[in-house]
Amino acid sequence: MQVQKIQNNYYNQNFRGFHADRNALKELNCRTADILNNRSIKECADKYEVLLKRKKINITKPYDKFITAVWASVSSVIGGGIGLISITGAGAEAAFLPVLAGLTIPPALFLLGTYLYHNKPSYQYSIQAGKKISDNQFGKHVLGGTLSREFIVADKRDIRDVHSLGEDIEKNDYDKFLDLLDNYHSDDVISILKDKKIKEEFKDGEHFNFSVDADDNTLLTKFFDIIPTEENQKDYNKILDSMKDMKKINFNQKDSFGISVLEKILNAENRKALNLVKDFEFEYSPELDSAYKNISDENFKLSVKDLKIKFTHAIDAVRIDSAKALKIAIKEFDSPLCDKNKEVKNLLDFYHSNTRRYGASAGVMQVMEVFEENERL
């Protein structure tokens, strides 16, 4: 992820999920790029909304009123004294106005200056993250939904101390979910997913990634354990349809027995679920081969071949010069789910674009000979 070039240090430059008050950037003398150098902020802005806020505050210093009264009295005495000295020898009527002026004007000016100084607006700056952002009636950004803690920043050096924004939101989300889960048995997945508050609170599907029992099975893995029946089919299909718009579901999950979500879908030959995950990138595991070979519907089998399945060991064999990774990669190439031509091309592209870094190793050359031979075959 690249941070956009900042043309002006003080312009309100928003970056995906990062939003800043323009005046706050200027008064803190920092740029959006300075803030996004903080890894926690940058990663959180990719998933949620992060806001740099500016809030007017009243600062009352200790003994302000007492000090003001003392100095006003002192200035009154000094002014009155100067007035008396200036009219020494004059008559009583001539003395009145200078003395009055000396007694009133200096303290009045002092009080006015003090008032203006103490009523000059002061601002507090803070950084906070949330799941939603909107504009209020004054056109100011306002965070909504689950929030992180708020970090006060006095200057741009304090930005380095901002941390765990995304983790805060996820923890607070999970706590909310557990409170709602208390109303159900963990096996009653359909009822949990039909809960109105859960649907409102977790519209992006975060709750599917949450553990729901003592064995750390998630709501997603338990959902794909459900066998659709005449009784639950309607609700099951509605939930599957709703999941299409949920961008934060992680389908690369395994249950407490090590069975992945994709294995469950293949074992059940669940076409509706397969359509749901067709654009998701899955991590390869050898167990998928067995699930694939046991599919009875040939049309379903063809659809499975179109899935995006990631084979990583070939590139690892080059990147870390690993004989072990090479052996695993060669075995992966025998998978019925592996598109050999595509994987060899990816590997060669990676190798040739990193020749200076990886080209000198004899082990790397051995890897490339194996896979170039595969490409010829």
Protein backbone atom coordinates (compact mmCIF):
# COMPACT_ATOMS: atom_id res chain seq x y z
CA MET A 1 0.00 0.00 0.00
CA GLN A 2 1.50 3.32 -1.05
CA VAL A 3 0.78 6.61 0.64
CA GLN A 4 -0.32 9.27 -1.82
CA LYS A 5 2.09 12.15 -2.34
CA ILE A 6 1.13 15.18 -0.28
CA GLN A 7 1.12 18.37 -2.35
CA ASN A 8 0.56 20.69 0.61
CA ASN A 9 1.58 19.93 4.19
CA TYR A 10 -1.59 21.37 5.64
CA TYR A 11 -4.31 20.20 3.30
CA ASN A 12 -6.85 17.72 4.52
CA GLN A 13 -5.65 14.68 2.59
CA ASN A 14 -7.86 11.65 3.23
CA PHE A 15 -6.40 8.20 2.58
CA ARG A 16 -8.96 5.42 2.28
CA GLY A 17 -10.16 5.08 5.87
CA PHE A 18 -8.15 8.00 7.26
CA HIS A 19 -9.83 11.38 7.74
CA ALA A 20 -8.33 14.53 9.22
CA ASP A 21 -9.56 17.96 10.23
CA ARG A 22 -7.68 20.34 7.95
CA ASN A 23 -6.97 22.82 10.74
CA ALA A 24 -5.74 20.04 13.00
CA LEU A 25 -3.09 19.03 10.45
CA LYS A 26 -1.96 22.65 10.15
CA GLU A 27 -1.84 23.37 13.86
CA LEU A 28 -0.01 20.11 14.63
CA ASN A 29 2.39 20.93 11.78
CA CYS A 30 2.12 17.47 10.26
CA ARG A 31 1.06 15.77 7.07
CA THR A 32 -1.18 12.80 6.42
CA ALA A 33 1.97 10.86 5.49
CA ASP A 34 3.43 11.56 8.96
CA ILE A 35 0.37 10.03 10.59
CA LEU A 36 0.24 7.01 8.27
CA ASN A 37 3.85 6.22 9.16
CA ASN A 38 2.32 4.78 12.31
CA ARG A 39 1.67 1.14 11.40
CA SER A 40 -1.33 0.75 13.69
CA ILE A 41 -3.07 3.76 12.14
CA LYS A 42 -2.25 2.68 8.59
CA GLU A 43 -3.49 -0.89 9.07
CA CYS A 44 -6.62 0.26 10.86
CA ALA A 45 -7.40 2.76 8.08
CA ASP A 46 -7.38 -0.14 5.62
CA LYS A 47 -10.15 -1.93 7.52
CA TYR A 48 -12.04 0.75 9.43
CA GLU A 49 -12.26 4.55 9.74
CA VAL A 50 -9.58 6.60 11.54
CA LEU A 51 -10.22 10.24 12.43
CA LEU A 52 -7.88 13.02 13.56
CA LYS A 53 -10.19 15.26 15.59
CA ARG A 54 -9.97 18.89 16.71
CA LYS A 55 -12.10 19.98 19.68
CA LYS A 56 -12.42 23.39 21.32
CA ILE A 57 -11.72 23.27 25.06
CA ASN A 58 -11.72 25.71 27.97
CA ILE A 59 -8.48 25.88 29.95
CA THR A 60 -8.67 27.50 33.40
CA LYS A 61 -5.33 28.13 35.04
CA PRO A 62 -5.01 27.90 38.83
CA TYR A 63 -5.37 31.23 40.67
CA ASP A 64 -6.33 33.09 37.44
CA LYS A 65 -9.03 35.17 39.14
CA PHE A 66 -6.87 35.95 42.19
CA ILE A 67 -3.86 37.05 40.08
CA THR A 68 -6.10 39.16 37.84
CA ALA A 69 -7.66 40.93 40.86
CA VAL A 70 -4.24 41.61 42.45
CA TRP A 71 -2.74 43.07 39.28
CA ALA A 72 -5.85 45.14 38.61
CA SER A 73 -5.59 46.60 42.13
CA VAL A 74 -1.86 47.26 41.76
CA SER A 75 -2.38 48.99 38.41
CA SER A 76 -5.18 51.05 39.94
CA VAL A 77 -2.91 52.21 42.79
CA ILE A 78 -0.05 52.97 40.41
CA GLY A 79 -2.36 54.83 38.01
CA GLY A 80 -3.96 56.80 40.83
CA GLY A 81 -0.54 57.67 42.24
CA ILE A 82 0.66 58.92 38.87
CA GLY A 83 -2.51 61.01 38.59
CA LEU A 84 -1.91 62.57 42.01
CA ILE A 85 1.71 63.36 41.23
CA SER A 86 0.76 64.96 37.92
CA ILE A 87 -1.62 67.41 39.59
CA THR A 88 0.43 68.33 42.65
CA GLY A 89 -0.37 71.91 43.54
CA ALA A 90 -3.57 72.04 41.50
CA GLY A 91 -7.02 72.67 42.96
CA ALA A 92 -9.44 69.94 44.05
CA GLU A 93 -11.57 70.22 40.91
CA ALA A 94 -8.52 70.02 38.65
CA ALA A 95 -7.28 66.95 40.55
CA PHE A 96 -10.48 64.92 40.15
CA LEU A 97 -10.30 63.89 36.49
CA PRO A 98 -6.57 62.83 36.38
CA VAL A 99 -6.96 60.84 39.57
CA LEU A 100 -10.15 59.19 38.24
CA ALA A 101 -8.42 58.36 34.98
CA GLY A 102 -5.42 56.97 36.82
CA LEU A 103 -7.63 54.82 39.00
CA THR A 104 -9.82 53.38 36.19
CA ILE A 105 -8.05 53.28 32.82
CA PRO A 106 -4.97 51.10 33.69
CA PRO A 107 -7.01 48.38 35.47
CA ALA A 108 -9.68 48.53 32.75
CA LEU A 109 -7.07 47.97 30.04
CA PHE A 110 -5.46 45.20 32.09
CA LEU A 111 -8.81 43.47 32.66
CA LEU A 112 -9.70 43.76 28.97
CA GLY A 113 -6.38 42.25 27.88
CA THR A 114 -6.73 39.47 30.44
CA TYR A 115 -10.27 38.71 29.25
CA LEU A 116 -9.22 38.55 25.61
CA TYR A 117 -6.24 36.33 26.44
CA HIS A 118 -8.17 33.88 28.56
CA ASN A 119 -11.05 33.69 26.07
CA LYS A 120 -8.81 32.92 23.10
CA PRO A 121 -9.96 29.46 21.84
CA SER A 122 -7.82 26.50 22.85
CA TYR A 123 -7.99 23.17 21.00
CA GLN A 124 -7.39 19.55 21.85
CA TYR A 125 -6.38 17.04 19.16
CA SER A 126 -7.01 13.32 19.26
CA ILE A 127 -6.95 10.20 17.09
CA GLN A 128 -9.65 7.56 17.30
CA ALA A 129 -10.98 4.77 15.08
CA GLY A 130 -14.49 3.48 14.46
CA LYS A 131 -16.42 1.16 12.17
CA LYS A 132 -18.43 3.96 10.58
CA ILE A 133 -18.04 7.63 9.74
CA SER A 134 -20.57 10.27 8.76
CA ASP A 135 -20.98 14.05 8.73
CA ASN A 136 -22.95 15.86 11.42
CA GLN A 137 -25.21 18.90 10.90
CA PHE A 138 -22.15 21.19 10.95
CA GLY A 139 -20.36 19.22 8.23
CA LYS A 140 -17.84 17.69 10.65
CA HIS A 141 -16.76 14.04 10.48
CA VAL A 142 -18.22 11.90 13.29
CA LEU A 143 -17.28 8.30 14.07
CA GLY A 144 -19.97 5.73 14.73
CA GLY A 145 -20.45 2.05 15.53
CA THR A 146 -17.82 0.26 17.62
CA LEU A 147 -15.00 2.62 18.62
CA SER A 148 -11.38 2.28 19.71
CA ARG A 149 -9.91 4.15 22.64
CA GLU A 150 -9.11 7.81 21.99
CA PHE A 151 -5.49 9.02 21.96
CA ILE A 152 -4.79 12.68 22.81
CA VAL A 153 -2.01 14.19 20.68
CA ALA A 154 -0.36 17.47 21.66
CA ASP A 155 2.08 17.42 18.73
CA LYS A 156 3.10 15.08 15.95
CA ARG A 157 5.57 13.27 18.21
CA ASP A 158 2.61 11.89 20.19
CA ILE A 159 1.35 10.15 17.04
CA ARG A 160 4.09 7.54 17.53
CA ASP A 161 2.37 6.44 20.75
CA VAL A 162 -0.96 5.62 19.07
CA HIS A 163 -1.41 1.84 18.98
CA SER A 164 -3.87 -1.08 18.78
CA LEU A 165 -6.68 0.86 17.09
CA GLY A 166 -7.90 -2.08 15.01
CA GLU A 167 -7.40 -4.50 17.90
CA ASP A 168 -9.53 -2.26 20.13
CA ILE A 169 -12.41 -2.33 17.66
CA GLU A 170 -12.19 -6.10 17.20
CA LYS A 171 -12.07 -6.73 20.95
CA ASN A 172 -15.00 -4.41 21.60
CA ASP A 173 -16.92 -6.02 18.74
CA TYR A 174 -16.28 -9.48 20.16
CA ASP A 175 -17.41 -8.36 23.62
CA LYS A 176 -20.65 -7.06 22.10
CA PHE A 177 -21.12 -10.32 20.24
CA LEU A 178 -20.57 -12.42 23.38
CA ASP A 179 -23.20 -10.37 25.24
CA LEU A 180 -25.70 -11.16 22.48
CA LEU A 181 -24.58 -14.79 22.30
CA ASP A 182 -25.63 -15.30 25.93
CA ASN A 183 -29.21 -15.53 24.67
CA TYR A 184 -28.53 -18.65 22.59
CA HIS A 185 -26.93 -22.08 22.60
CA SER A 186 -23.79 -22.09 20.46
CA ASP A 187 -25.23 -24.85 18.23
CA ASP A 188 -28.33 -22.80 17.41
CA VAL A 189 -26.48 -21.06 14.56
CA ILE A 190 -29.53 -20.17 12.46
CA SER A 191 -31.19 -18.36 15.38
CA ILE A 192 -27.95 -16.53 16.20
CA LEU A 193 -27.63 -15.31 12.63
CA LYS A 194 -31.29 -14.24 12.52
CA ASP A 195 -30.91 -12.09 15.65
CA LYS A 196 -31.90 -8.53 14.74
CA LYS A 197 -29.23 -6.84 16.86
CA ILE A 198 -26.48 -9.09 15.49
CA LYS A 199 -27.54 -8.34 11.91
CA GLU A 200 -27.56 -4.59 12.61
CA GLU A 201 -24.25 -4.55 14.49
CA PHE A 202 -22.21 -6.80 12.18
CA LYS A 203 -23.29 -5.93 8.66
CA ASP A 204 -19.83 -6.67 7.22
CA GLY A 205 -19.77 -10.23 8.58
CA GLU A 206 -17.15 -9.82 11.31
CA HIS A 207 -19.20 -12.09 13.59
CA PHE A 208 -18.59 -15.07 11.30
CA ASN A 209 -14.93 -14.94 12.36
CA PHE A 210 -15.72 -15.05 16.10
CA SER A 211 -15.27 -18.14 18.25
CA VAL A 212 -18.58 -19.39 19.69
CA ASP A 213 -17.62 -22.38 21.84
CA ALA A 214 -14.94 -23.78 24.13
CA ASP A 215 -13.26 -25.57 21.19
CA ASP A 216 -12.73 -22.28 19.32
CA ASN A 217 -15.08 -23.20 16.50
CA THR A 218 -16.21 -20.04 14.75
CA LEU A 219 -19.69 -19.08 13.69
CA LEU A 220 -18.63 -19.66 10.07
CA THR A 221 -17.33 -23.21 10.56
CA LYS A 222 -20.46 -24.13 12.54
CA PHE A 223 -22.70 -22.60 9.87
CA PHE A 224 -21.17 -24.84 7.20
CA ASP A 225 -21.76 -27.86 9.45
CA ILE A 226 -25.49 -27.29 9.03
CA ILE A 227 -27.26 -29.80 6.81
CA PRO A 228 -30.06 -27.96 5.00
CA THR A 229 -33.46 -29.55 5.57
CA GLU A 230 -36.98 -28.74 4.52
CA GLU A 231 -37.41 -26.98 7.86
CA ASN A 232 -34.34 -24.73 7.73
CA GLN A 233 -33.70 -24.43 3.97
CA LYS A 234 -35.39 -21.05 3.60
CA ASP A 235 -33.46 -19.45 6.46
CA TYR A 236 -30.23 -21.13 5.32
CA ASN A 237 -30.55 -19.71 1.81
CA LYS A 238 -31.38 -16.23 3.13
CA ILE A 239 -28.25 -16.25 5.26
CA LEU A 240 -26.11 -17.40 2.31
CA ASP A 241 -27.57 -14.60 0.18
CA SER A 242 -26.85 -12.01 2.87
CA MET A 243 -23.22 -13.15 3.09
CA LYS A 244 -22.55 -11.98 -0.49
CA ASP A 245 -22.32 -8.37 0.71
CA MET A 246 -20.23 -9.10 3.79
CA LYS A 247 -16.66 -8.05 3.00
CA LYS A 248 -14.97 -9.07 6.25
CA ILE A 249 -15.68 -12.78 6.35
CA ASN A 250 -12.50 -14.84 6.36
CA PHE A 251 -13.31 -18.10 4.56
CA ASN A 252 -9.82 -19.51 5.28
CA GLN A 253 -10.95 -21.02 8.56
CA LYS A 254 -10.73 -24.50 10.03
CA ASP A 255 -12.82 -26.07 12.78
CA SER A 256 -11.46 -27.77 15.90
CA PHE A 257 -10.91 -30.99 13.88
CA GLY A 258 -8.82 -29.19 11.27
CA ILE A 259 -11.50 -29.33 8.55
CA SER A 260 -11.52 -26.18 6.45
CA VAL A 261 -14.59 -24.28 5.32
CA LEU A 262 -13.80 -25.08 1.69
CA GLU A 263 -13.58 -28.81 2.50
CA LYS A 264 -17.04 -28.62 4.07
CA ILE A 265 -18.42 -26.94 0.95
CA LEU A 266 -16.83 -29.57 -1.33
CA ASN A 267 -17.92 -32.48 0.84
CA ALA A 268 -21.52 -31.24 0.79
CA GLU A 269 -21.31 -30.37 -2.93
CA ASN A 270 -23.01 -27.13 -1.92
CA ARG A 271 -23.31 -25.18 -5.18
CA LYS A 272 -24.89 -22.11 -3.59
CA ALA A 273 -22.01 -21.87 -1.11
CA LEU A 274 -19.50 -22.47 -3.90
CA ASN A 275 -20.90 -19.51 -5.82
CA LEU A 276 -20.58 -17.43 -2.67
CA VAL A 277 -16.81 -18.07 -2.36
CA LYS A 278 -15.86 -18.16 -6.05
CA ASP A 279 -13.90 -14.86 -5.84
CA PHE A 280 -12.18 -15.60 -2.53
CA GLU A 281 -8.53 -16.74 -2.51
CA PHE A 282 -8.10 -19.96 -0.55
CA GLU A 283 -4.92 -21.43 0.88
CA TYR A 284 -4.14 -24.87 -0.51
CA SER A 285 -4.09 -27.90 1.76
CA PRO A 286 -3.65 -31.57 0.72
CA GLU A 287 -7.03 -32.42 2.26
CA LEU A 288 -8.70 -30.45 -0.52
CA ASP A 289 -7.48 -33.03 -3.04
CA SER A 290 -9.37 -35.82 -1.29
CA ALA A 291 -12.51 -33.71 -1.02
CA TYR A 292 -12.25 -32.87 -4.73
CA LYS A 293 -11.77 -36.49 -5.83
CA ASN A 294 -14.86 -37.56 -3.87
CA ILE A 295 -17.16 -35.11 -5.69
CA SER A 296 -19.79 -37.06 -7.66
CA ASP A 297 -21.30 -34.21 -9.68
CA GLU A 298 -18.99 -33.57 -12.65
CA ASN A 299 -20.39 -30.08 -13.28
CA PHE A 300 -19.71 -29.19 -9.65
CA LYS A 301 -16.19 -30.55 -10.09
CA LEU A 302 -15.61 -28.26 -13.06
CA SER A 303 -16.78 -25.27 -11.03
CA VAL A 304 -14.35 -26.16 -8.22
CA LYS A 305 -11.47 -26.07 -10.73
CA ASP A 306 -12.26 -22.37 -11.30
CA LEU A 307 -11.69 -21.46 -7.65
CA LYS A 308 -8.77 -19.24 -6.67
CA ILE A 309 -6.46 -21.51 -4.70
CA LYS A 310 -3.07 -20.22 -3.61
CA PHE A 311 -0.01 -22.49 -3.88
CA THR A 312 2.85 -20.83 -2.00
CA HIS A 313 5.65 -23.37 -1.64
CA ALA A 314 7.12 -22.94 -5.13
CA ILE A 315 7.84 -19.27 -4.54
CA ASP A 316 8.98 -20.06 -0.99
CA ALA A 317 11.47 -22.53 -2.44
CA VAL A 318 13.04 -19.68 -4.40
CA ARG A 319 12.61 -16.95 -1.82
CA ILE A 320 14.15 -18.81 1.12
CA ASP A 321 16.23 -21.30 -0.93
CA SER A 322 14.55 -24.23 0.78
CA ALA A 323 14.89 -27.85 -0.35
CA LYS A 324 11.97 -28.77 1.90
CA ALA A 325 9.74 -26.16 0.27
CA LEU A 326 10.83 -27.45 -3.14
CA LYS A 327 9.72 -31.01 -2.29
CA ILE A 328 6.35 -29.73 -1.05
CA ALA A 329 5.96 -27.52 -4.11
CA ILE A 330 6.61 -30.43 -6.51
CA LYS A 331 3.97 -32.45 -4.67
CA GLU A 332 1.54 -29.52 -4.84
CA PHE A 333 2.00 -29.43 -8.60
CA ASP A 334 0.42 -32.92 -8.73
CA SER A 335 -2.77 -31.61 -7.12
CA PRO A 336 -5.84 -31.85 -9.39
CA LEU A 337 -6.65 -28.32 -8.21
CA CYS A 338 -3.33 -26.90 -9.41
CA ASP A 339 -3.13 -25.12 -12.76
CA LYS A 340 0.49 -26.01 -13.53
CA ASN A 341 0.90 -23.55 -16.39
CA LYS A 342 -0.36 -20.69 -14.26
CA GLU A 343 1.78 -21.61 -11.26
CA VAL A 344 4.95 -22.05 -13.34
CA LYS A 345 4.34 -18.70 -14.98
CA ASN A 346 3.87 -17.05 -11.57
CA LEU A 347 7.08 -18.65 -10.33
CA LEU A 348 9.12 -17.64 -13.37
CA ASP A 349 7.79 -14.09 -13.21
CA PHE A 350 8.76 -13.91 -9.54
CA TYR A 351 12.20 -15.37 -10.19
CA HIS A 352 13.07 -13.19 -13.17
CA SER A 353 11.90 -10.02 -11.43
CA ASN A 354 14.14 -10.88 -8.46
CA THR A 355 17.16 -12.35 -10.27
CA ARG A 356 19.65 -10.06 -8.54
CA ARG A 357 18.42 -11.13 -5.13
CA TYR A 358 17.96 -14.87 -5.72
CA GLY A 359 19.92 -15.74 -8.88
CA ALA A 360 23.31 -16.53 -7.34
CA SER A 361 22.26 -19.48 -5.21
CA ALA A 362 22.90 -23.01 -6.50
CA GLY A 363 19.81 -24.19 -4.61
CA VAL A 364 17.71 -21.60 -6.37
CA MET A 365 19.02 -22.71 -9.75
CA GLN A 366 17.99 -26.27 -8.87
CA VAL A 367 14.47 -25.05 -8.09
CA MET A 368 14.25 -23.20 -11.39
CA GLU A 369 15.51 -26.23 -13.37
CA VAL A 370 12.77 -28.38 -11.85
CA PHE A 371 10.00 -25.93 -12.65
CA GLU A 372 11.28 -24.96 -16.08
CA GLU A 373 11.27 -28.68 -16.90
CA ASN A 374 7.66 -28.80 -15.69
CA GLU A 375 6.85 -25.90 -18.00
CA ARG A 376 8.34 -27.75 -21.00
CA LEU A 377 6.29 -30.82 -20.15
